[in-house]
């Protein structure tokens, strides 16, 4: 990884030198300093830098310790960042400091490198691994990415198989999910889940470790030992949060066949007053995991408009204005009373049903929408009964 980091920084230095040589006009130079390069010198493109790798190996023998395809993927990674910078106009690629280069990609293998006990990588050899699950029959290993998180090493294996997986279609029981800080999620069926707050529970311990780290001399052995302790704690928080998200996603798929969530930009919420708690909850990651788990288990997932879901009555559709301090929804028109977050989840579910109840789906049998032709309203599951007093608590 350190050799690849050096190659990444060297290639980025060539791009920066070329850009700095064009800051002034051709017939004049700045008063302080100027990068003087040939006017005929072309931009160091991806193809040019890839072709220069064999010459660089003669000048820098350490590059020969790394497989050639891994070095090529490092250069390609740099130019993907450069193209991303050109498309959006900001985010110039930065130099990688010591320890910031954390992954290697092995893009091609002649034969299957994975066995039950080892993974064989070129120029590294066989490495003992803890294989989480066996590779299914008919799948071929296409590439392996080696990741380093704290002092833990992971291998992410990409498989390929000639199969077509159809997208899930709307069917069965619908569930609307509303996420928030007071309750991590509230479903339209009345299930409430309290926020676990993984970061807040370990914040005092993290503060102590970071204080000790700040007193160490940088790049010393004691500094490196303390840095690993901080990294391990961050890694523990990340893993427990992701495990909680996956368990809740599978619980939602167990409870229903269609899952609807709000189409919100949670990055805006992370800039508000409760940004630490918002980032601790990681709503964006949770929505991505729910979408993946629904696709994996054949459940339908969709996002709906989030405007006014907490200010609308799910029974009669009337507007019931309330501020954040009001946690009970009480409609003055129809008298419907329930938890505020449960009512928001029911509104999300109703909007999701309207979203899929189009002309193209009018002939499809769905046990969820009473707005379809031929459906009986009193037998519909669109308005579900809330389970009062029952709160699902997660075991940590």
Protein backbone atom coordinates (compact mmCIF):
# COMPACT_ATOMS: atom_id res chain seq x y z
CA UNK A 1 0.00 0.00 0.00
CA UNK A 2 2.88 2.40 0.68
CA UNK A 3 4.37 1.72 -2.76
CA UNK A 4 0.98 2.34 -4.39
CA UNK A 5 0.60 5.50 -2.33
CA UNK A 6 3.93 6.75 -3.66
CA UNK A 7 2.88 5.98 -7.26
CA UNK A 8 -0.43 7.80 -6.69
CA UNK A 9 1.33 10.89 -5.32
CA UNK A 10 3.93 10.89 -8.10
CA UNK A 11 1.26 10.77 -10.80
CA UNK A 12 -0.72 13.51 -9.06
CA UNK A 13 2.45 15.63 -8.85
CA UNK A 14 2.82 15.41 -12.64
CA UNK A 15 -0.76 16.62 -13.10
CA UNK A 16 -0.26 19.49 -10.65
CA UNK A 17 2.99 20.57 -12.31
CA UNK A 18 1.26 20.64 -15.70
CA UNK A 19 -1.63 22.72 -14.27
CA UNK A 20 0.73 25.15 -12.49
CA UNK A 21 2.72 25.71 -15.69
CA UNK A 22 -0.39 27.24 -17.30
CA UNK A 23 -1.22 29.77 -14.58
CA UNK A 24 0.50 32.70 -16.36
CA UNK A 25 0.43 33.89 -19.93
CA UNK A 26 3.02 32.64 -22.40
CA UNK A 27 4.93 35.96 -22.69
CA UNK A 28 5.36 36.69 -18.97
CA UNK A 29 6.07 35.08 -15.60
CA UNK A 30 4.96 35.81 -12.06
CA UNK A 31 7.14 37.89 -9.71
CA UNK A 32 7.51 35.14 -7.10
CA UNK A 33 7.89 31.79 -8.85
CA UNK A 34 6.79 29.95 -11.93
CA UNK A 35 6.63 26.36 -13.12
CA UNK A 36 8.54 26.42 -16.40
CA UNK A 37 7.67 23.45 -18.58
CA UNK A 38 7.75 22.97 -22.29
CA UNK A 39 4.84 24.61 -24.08
CA UNK A 40 4.51 21.50 -26.23
CA UNK A 41 4.15 19.23 -23.21
CA UNK A 42 0.79 17.49 -23.25
CA UNK A 43 -1.42 16.78 -20.29
CA UNK A 44 -0.27 13.63 -18.43
CA UNK A 45 -3.31 11.57 -19.33
CA UNK A 46 -4.24 8.18 -17.97
CA UNK A 47 -2.93 6.29 -21.01
CA UNK A 48 0.36 8.20 -20.95
CA UNK A 49 0.98 7.52 -17.27
CA UNK A 50 0.05 3.86 -17.66
CA UNK A 51 2.53 3.54 -20.53
CA UNK A 52 5.24 5.15 -18.40
CA UNK A 53 4.95 2.50 -15.65
CA UNK A 54 7.48 0.07 -17.27
CA UNK A 55 10.03 2.90 -17.51
CA UNK A 56 9.32 3.94 -13.92
CA UNK A 57 10.04 0.40 -12.70
CA UNK A 58 13.62 0.72 -14.01
CA UNK A 59 14.07 4.02 -12.21
CA UNK A 60 12.27 2.95 -9.01
CA UNK A 61 12.94 -0.78 -8.37
CA UNK A 62 10.42 -0.90 -5.49
CA UNK A 63 7.59 -0.71 -8.02
CA UNK A 64 8.49 -4.23 -9.13
CA UNK A 65 7.32 -5.60 -5.77
CA UNK A 66 3.72 -4.72 -6.66
CA UNK A 67 1.76 -6.54 -9.41
CA UNK A 68 1.54 -4.44 -12.54
CA UNK A 69 -2.27 -4.54 -12.65
CA UNK A 70 -2.48 -3.23 -9.08
CA UNK A 71 -0.28 -0.24 -10.05
CA UNK A 72 -2.47 0.35 -13.09
CA UNK A 73 -5.59 0.39 -10.93
CA UNK A 74 -3.90 2.99 -8.67
CA UNK A 75 -3.37 5.30 -11.66
CA UNK A 76 -6.92 4.69 -12.85
CA UNK A 77 -8.22 5.57 -9.39
CA UNK A 78 -6.43 8.92 -9.60
CA UNK A 79 -7.89 9.75 -13.00
CA UNK A 80 -11.40 8.80 -11.90
CA UNK A 81 -11.02 11.44 -9.19
CA UNK A 82 -9.68 13.89 -11.77
CA UNK A 83 -12.68 13.31 -14.06
CA UNK A 84 -14.99 13.72 -11.09
CA UNK A 85 -13.31 17.06 -10.33
CA UNK A 86 -13.72 18.23 -13.93
CA UNK A 87 -17.40 17.31 -14.08
CA UNK A 88 -18.51 19.11 -10.91
CA UNK A 89 -15.86 21.89 -10.77
CA UNK A 90 -14.48 21.28 -7.28
CA UNK A 91 -12.79 18.51 -5.30
CA UNK A 92 -9.26 18.57 -6.73
CA UNK A 93 -7.46 15.26 -5.95
CA UNK A 94 -5.22 15.46 -2.90
CA UNK A 95 -1.97 13.81 -1.97
CA UNK A 96 -2.32 10.71 0.17
CA UNK A 97 -0.57 11.02 3.52
CA UNK A 98 0.98 8.16 5.41
CA UNK A 99 -1.74 5.63 6.26
CA UNK A 100 -4.43 7.22 4.06
CA UNK A 101 -4.13 4.70 1.22
CA UNK A 102 -6.33 1.90 2.50
CA UNK A 103 -7.26 -0.42 -0.39
CA UNK A 104 -5.71 -2.42 -3.21
CA UNK A 105 -7.59 -3.87 -6.18
CA UNK A 106 -6.56 -7.12 -7.89
CA UNK A 107 -8.71 -6.93 -11.06
CA UNK A 108 -7.99 -10.27 -12.76
CA UNK A 109 -7.19 -13.90 -11.92
CA UNK A 110 -6.30 -16.86 -14.12
CA UNK A 111 -7.87 -19.34 -11.71
CA UNK A 112 -9.96 -19.26 -8.57
CA UNK A 113 -7.74 -17.73 -5.84
CA UNK A 114 -10.11 -18.59 -2.96
CA UNK A 115 -10.15 -21.84 -1.04
CA UNK A 116 -11.82 -22.68 2.24
CA UNK A 117 -8.72 -21.65 4.19
CA UNK A 118 -6.59 -19.36 2.00
CA UNK A 119 -6.72 -16.68 -0.67
CA UNK A 120 -3.84 -16.61 -3.13
CA UNK A 121 -2.76 -13.18 -4.39
CA UNK A 122 -0.03 -12.52 -6.98
CA UNK A 123 3.42 -11.64 -5.55
CA UNK A 124 2.02 -12.09 -2.04
CA UNK A 125 1.15 -15.76 -1.91
CA UNK A 126 -1.46 -17.69 0.06
CA UNK A 127 -2.95 -15.79 2.99
CA UNK A 128 -5.08 -17.50 5.67
CA UNK A 129 -8.62 -16.11 5.62
CA UNK A 130 -11.84 -16.51 7.56
CA UNK A 131 -14.25 -17.23 4.72
CA UNK A 132 -17.68 -15.97 5.77
CA UNK A 133 -19.59 -18.09 3.26
CA UNK A 134 -18.58 -20.56 0.51
CA UNK A 135 -18.59 -19.40 -3.10
CA UNK A 136 -21.77 -20.73 -4.78
CA UNK A 137 -21.54 -23.16 -7.65
CA UNK A 138 -21.41 -21.50 -11.05
CA UNK A 139 -19.89 -18.22 -9.82
CA UNK A 140 -16.46 -17.00 -10.96
CA UNK A 141 -14.16 -14.74 -8.95
CA UNK A 142 -13.59 -11.61 -11.04
CA UNK A 143 -11.68 -9.30 -8.71
CA UNK A 144 -10.56 -8.96 -5.10
CA UNK A 145 -10.17 -5.73 -3.16
CA UNK A 146 -8.00 -5.77 -0.04
CA UNK A 147 -9.15 -3.27 2.61
CA UNK A 148 -7.46 -2.08 5.77
CA UNK A 149 -9.60 -0.73 8.60
CA UNK A 150 -7.68 0.11 11.78
CA UNK A 151 -5.44 -2.97 12.19
CA UNK A 152 -7.95 -5.32 10.57
CA UNK A 153 -7.63 -6.60 6.99
CA UNK A 154 -10.59 -7.55 4.80
CA UNK A 155 -10.94 -9.03 1.33
CA UNK A 156 -13.99 -7.98 -0.69
CA UNK A 157 -14.54 -10.57 -3.43
CA UNK A 158 -16.58 -9.75 -6.55
CA UNK A 159 -18.29 -12.71 -8.23
CA UNK A 160 -19.88 -13.12 -11.63
CA UNK A 161 -22.55 -15.47 -12.88
CA UNK A 162 -24.61 -15.44 -16.08
CA UNK A 163 -28.04 -15.07 -14.48
CA UNK A 164 -30.75 -12.44 -14.78
CA UNK A 165 -32.31 -11.25 -11.55
CA UNK A 166 -35.73 -9.62 -12.11
CA UNK A 167 -36.61 -6.50 -10.18
CA UNK A 168 -39.21 -7.01 -7.44
CA UNK A 169 -42.77 -6.01 -8.36
CA UNK A 170 -45.38 -4.48 -6.02
CA UNK A 171 -47.21 -7.17 -4.10
CA UNK A 172 -48.43 -8.06 -0.64
CA UNK A 173 -48.57 -6.03 2.55
CA UNK A 174 -47.20 -2.43 2.42
CA UNK A 175 -45.18 -0.77 5.18
CA UNK A 176 -44.33 2.91 5.51
CA UNK A 177 -41.20 3.76 7.48
CA UNK A 178 -40.57 7.10 9.14
CA UNK A 179 -37.11 7.72 10.65
CA UNK A 180 -36.22 10.29 13.27
CA UNK A 181 -34.05 11.12 16.25
CA UNK A 182 -36.52 10.50 19.09
CA UNK A 183 -37.52 7.15 17.57
CA UNK A 184 -35.09 5.62 15.12
CA UNK A 185 -37.97 4.31 13.05
CA UNK A 186 -41.73 4.07 13.25
CA UNK A 187 -43.68 1.88 10.88
CA UNK A 188 -47.24 2.19 9.68
CA UNK A 189 -48.06 -1.00 11.62
CA UNK A 190 -47.25 0.74 14.91
CA UNK A 191 -43.77 -0.73 15.52
CA UNK A 192 -41.44 1.72 17.27
CA UNK A 193 -37.67 1.31 17.59
CA UNK A 194 -35.64 3.46 19.94
CA UNK A 195 -32.35 4.94 18.67
CA UNK A 196 -29.35 2.96 19.95
CA UNK A 197 -26.89 5.94 19.85
CA UNK A 198 -23.72 3.94 19.40
CA UNK A 199 -21.42 6.95 19.15
CA UNK A 200 -22.88 8.74 22.16
CA UNK A 201 -22.40 5.69 24.39
CA UNK A 202 -18.68 5.48 23.58
CA UNK A 203 -18.04 9.20 23.24
CA UNK A 204 -16.42 9.61 26.66
CA UNK A 205 -14.06 6.68 26.01
CA UNK A 206 -13.21 8.05 22.58
CA UNK A 207 -12.54 11.49 24.07
CA UNK A 208 -10.05 9.99 26.53
CA UNK A 209 -8.21 8.05 23.82
CA UNK A 210 -8.00 11.08 21.55
CA UNK A 211 -6.66 13.24 24.38
CA UNK A 212 -3.90 10.72 24.99
CA UNK A 213 -3.17 10.61 21.27
CA UNK A 214 -2.74 14.39 21.08
CA UNK A 215 0.05 14.22 23.68
CA UNK A 216 2.15 11.69 21.78
CA UNK A 217 4.97 12.63 19.47
CA UNK A 218 3.82 12.14 15.88
CA UNK A 219 5.17 9.18 13.94
CA UNK A 220 6.63 7.65 17.11
CA UNK A 221 5.89 4.07 18.17
CA UNK A 222 3.73 5.17 21.08
CA UNK A 223 1.81 7.49 18.76
CA UNK A 224 1.14 4.60 16.37
CA UNK A 225 -0.06 2.35 19.21
CA UNK A 226 -2.45 5.02 20.48
CA UNK A 227 -3.67 5.80 16.97
CA UNK A 228 -4.64 2.16 16.50
CA UNK A 229 -6.65 2.26 19.73
CA UNK A 230 -8.64 5.24 18.44
CA UNK A 231 -9.10 3.58 15.05
CA UNK A 232 -10.30 0.33 16.66
CA UNK A 233 -12.96 2.18 18.65
CA UNK A 234 -14.19 4.00 15.54
CA UNK A 235 -14.25 0.65 13.73
CA UNK A 236 -16.28 -0.89 16.56
CA UNK A 237 -18.85 1.92 16.38
CA UNK A 238 -19.10 1.53 12.62
CA UNK A 239 -19.58 -2.23 12.77
CA UNK A 240 -22.22 -2.17 15.52
CA UNK A 241 -24.17 0.53 13.71
CA UNK A 242 -24.12 -1.35 10.41
CA UNK A 243 -25.12 -4.60 12.14
CA UNK A 244 -28.08 -2.82 13.73
CA UNK A 245 -29.13 -1.41 10.35
CA UNK A 246 -29.05 -4.82 8.69
CA UNK A 247 -31.09 -6.41 11.47
CA UNK A 248 -33.74 -3.69 11.25
CA UNK A 249 -33.83 -3.99 7.45
CA UNK A 250 -34.47 -7.74 7.69
CA UNK A 251 -37.13 -7.12 10.34
CA UNK A 252 -38.93 -4.77 7.94
CA UNK A 253 -38.78 -7.39 5.18
CA UNK A 254 -40.17 -9.98 7.57
CA UNK A 255 -43.11 -7.72 8.45
CA UNK A 256 -44.17 -6.75 4.94
CA UNK A 257 -43.72 -7.21 1.21
CA UNK A 258 -43.46 -3.55 0.18
CA UNK A 259 -41.35 -0.96 2.01
CA UNK A 260 -41.72 2.77 1.44
CA UNK A 261 -39.39 5.46 2.81
CA UNK A 262 -39.06 9.22 2.46
CA UNK A 263 -37.03 10.75 -0.34
CA UNK A 264 -34.92 13.06 1.84
CA UNK A 265 -31.40 14.48 1.56
CA UNK A 266 -30.01 13.59 4.96
CA UNK A 267 -26.86 15.61 4.32
CA UNK A 268 -28.91 18.75 5.00
CA UNK A 269 -30.11 17.33 8.31
CA UNK A 270 -26.48 16.63 9.25
CA UNK A 271 -25.73 20.37 9.13
CA UNK A 272 -28.35 21.39 11.66
CA UNK A 273 -28.45 21.69 15.42
CA UNK A 274 -28.55 17.93 16.00
CA UNK A 275 -25.89 17.04 13.45
CA UNK A 276 -23.96 14.74 15.80
CA UNK A 277 -27.05 12.66 16.58
CA UNK A 278 -28.05 12.64 12.90
CA UNK A 279 -24.65 11.35 11.83
CA UNK A 280 -24.74 8.80 14.65
CA UNK A 281 -28.07 7.45 13.37
CA UNK A 282 -26.76 7.31 9.73
CA UNK A 283 -30.17 7.49 8.07
CA UNK A 284 -28.69 7.54 4.57
CA UNK A 285 -26.78 4.32 5.16
CA UNK A 286 -29.88 2.72 6.66
CA UNK A 287 -32.00 3.60 3.61
CA UNK A 288 -29.34 2.19 1.28
CA UNK A 289 -29.17 -1.05 3.29
CA UNK A 290 -32.98 -1.38 3.33
CA UNK A 291 -33.05 -0.94 -0.45
CA UNK A 292 -30.40 -3.63 -0.90
CA UNK A 293 -32.02 -6.09 1.52
CA UNK A 294 -35.42 -5.63 -0.17
CA UNK A 295 -33.89 -6.36 -3.57
CA UNK A 296 -32.06 -9.38 -2.17
CA UNK A 297 -35.19 -10.85 -0.60
CA UNK A 298 -37.58 -10.02 -3.45
CA UNK A 299 -39.41 -7.22 -1.63
CA UNK A 300 -40.53 -4.04 -3.36
CA UNK A 301 -38.87 -0.79 -2.25
CA UNK A 302 -39.74 2.78 -3.26
CA UNK A 303 -39.19 6.34 -2.07
CA UNK A 304 -42.02 8.85 -1.79
CA UNK A 305 -42.32 12.60 -1.40
CA UNK A 306 -41.57 13.63 2.17
CA UNK A 307 -43.31 17.01 2.25
CA UNK A 308 -45.98 17.26 4.93
CA UNK A 309 -46.03 13.64 6.05
CA UNK A 310 -46.22 14.70 9.71
CA UNK A 311 -48.84 17.42 9.07
CA UNK A 312 -51.45 15.25 7.36
CA UNK A 313 -54.04 12.89 8.76
CA UNK A 314 -53.64 9.36 7.36
CA UNK A 315 -57.37 8.62 7.80
CA UNK A 316 -59.16 11.60 6.27
CA UNK A 317 -56.27 13.38 4.54
CA UNK A 318 -56.90 16.65 6.34
CA UNK A 319 -54.13 19.02 7.39
CA UNK A 320 -53.26 18.89 11.09
CA UNK A 321 -50.51 21.40 11.88
CA UNK A 322 -48.26 20.65 14.85
CA UNK A 323 -44.76 21.60 15.90
CA UNK A 324 -42.01 19.23 16.98
CA UNK A 325 -43.02 19.37 20.65
CA UNK A 326 -46.37 17.72 19.85
CA UNK A 327 -45.75 13.96 19.70
CA UNK A 328 -49.39 12.81 19.40
CA UNK A 329 -51.43 13.08 16.23
CA UNK A 330 -55.04 14.03 17.04
CA UNK A 331 -57.22 14.91 14.05
CA UNK A 332 -60.04 17.34 14.91
CA UNK A 333 -62.03 16.33 11.79
CA UNK A 334 -62.21 12.53 12.03
CA UNK A 335 -60.97 12.06 15.60
CA UNK A 336 -58.12 9.71 14.62
CA UNK A 337 -55.49 9.64 17.37
CA UNK A 338 -52.12 7.89 17.30
CA UNK A 339 -48.42 8.50 17.71
CA UNK A 340 -47.07 11.29 15.53
CA UNK A 341 -44.35 9.12 13.96
CA UNK A 342 -46.76 6.24 13.33
CA UNK A 343 -49.11 8.64 11.56
CA UNK A 344 -46.19 9.85 9.42
CA UNK A 345 -45.38 6.24 8.54
CA UNK A 346 -48.99 5.64 7.54
CA UNK A 347 -48.90 8.72 5.30
CA UNK A 348 -45.72 7.41 3.69
CA UNK A 349 -47.42 4.06 3.11
CA UNK A 350 -50.50 5.72 1.58
CA UNK A 351 -48.34 7.81 -0.75
CA UNK A 352 -46.43 4.70 -1.77
CA UNK A 353 -49.66 2.91 -2.61
CA UNK A 354 -50.77 5.85 -4.75
CA UNK A 355 -47.37 5.83 -6.42
CA UNK A 356 -47.67 2.21 -7.58
CA UNK A 357 -51.42 2.36 -8.31
CA UNK A 358 -50.95 3.49 -11.90
CA UNK A 359 -52.84 2.51 -15.03
CA UNK A 360 -50.21 -0.09 -15.91
CA UNK A 361 -50.71 -1.89 -12.59
CA UNK A 362 -54.51 -1.71 -12.54
CA UNK A 363 -54.87 -5.33 -13.60
CA UNK A 364 -52.30 -6.71 -11.13
CA UNK A 365 -53.56 -8.27 -7.94
CA UNK A 366 -52.20 -6.47 -4.90
CA UNK A 367 -53.51 -6.98 -1.40
CA UNK A 368 -52.70 -3.42 -0.45
CA UNK A 369 -54.55 -0.75 -2.41
CA UNK A 370 -58.26 -0.08 -2.09
CA UNK A 371 -58.04 2.58 -4.81
CA UNK A 372 -57.73 -0.13 -7.47
CA UNK A 373 -60.85 -1.19 -9.38
CA UNK A 374 -62.71 -4.05 -7.73
CA UNK A 375 -61.08 -3.71 -4.33
CA UNK A 376 -63.26 -3.56 -1.23
CA UNK A 377 -62.35 -0.78 1.15
CA UNK A 378 -63.25 -2.49 4.42
CA UNK A 379 -61.04 -5.47 3.54
CA UNK A 380 -58.05 -3.40 2.49
CA UNK A 381 -54.84 -3.37 4.49
CA UNK A 382 -54.06 0.21 3.51
CA UNK A 383 -55.09 1.48 6.96
CA UNK A 384 -53.50 -0.85 9.47
CA UNK A 385 -54.29 -1.14 13.14
CA UNK A 386 -51.67 0.36 15.39
CA UNK A 387 -50.32 -1.88 18.10
CA UNK A 388 -50.48 0.42 21.11
CA UNK A 389 -48.12 -0.20 23.95
CA UNK A 390 -45.93 -2.59 21.97
CA UNK A 391 -42.46 -1.28 21.29
CA UNK A 392 -39.79 -3.40 19.72
CA UNK A 393 -36.53 -3.03 21.58
CA UNK A 394 -33.28 -4.16 20.06
CA UNK A 395 -30.84 -6.26 22.04
CA UNK A 396 -27.29 -5.00 21.83
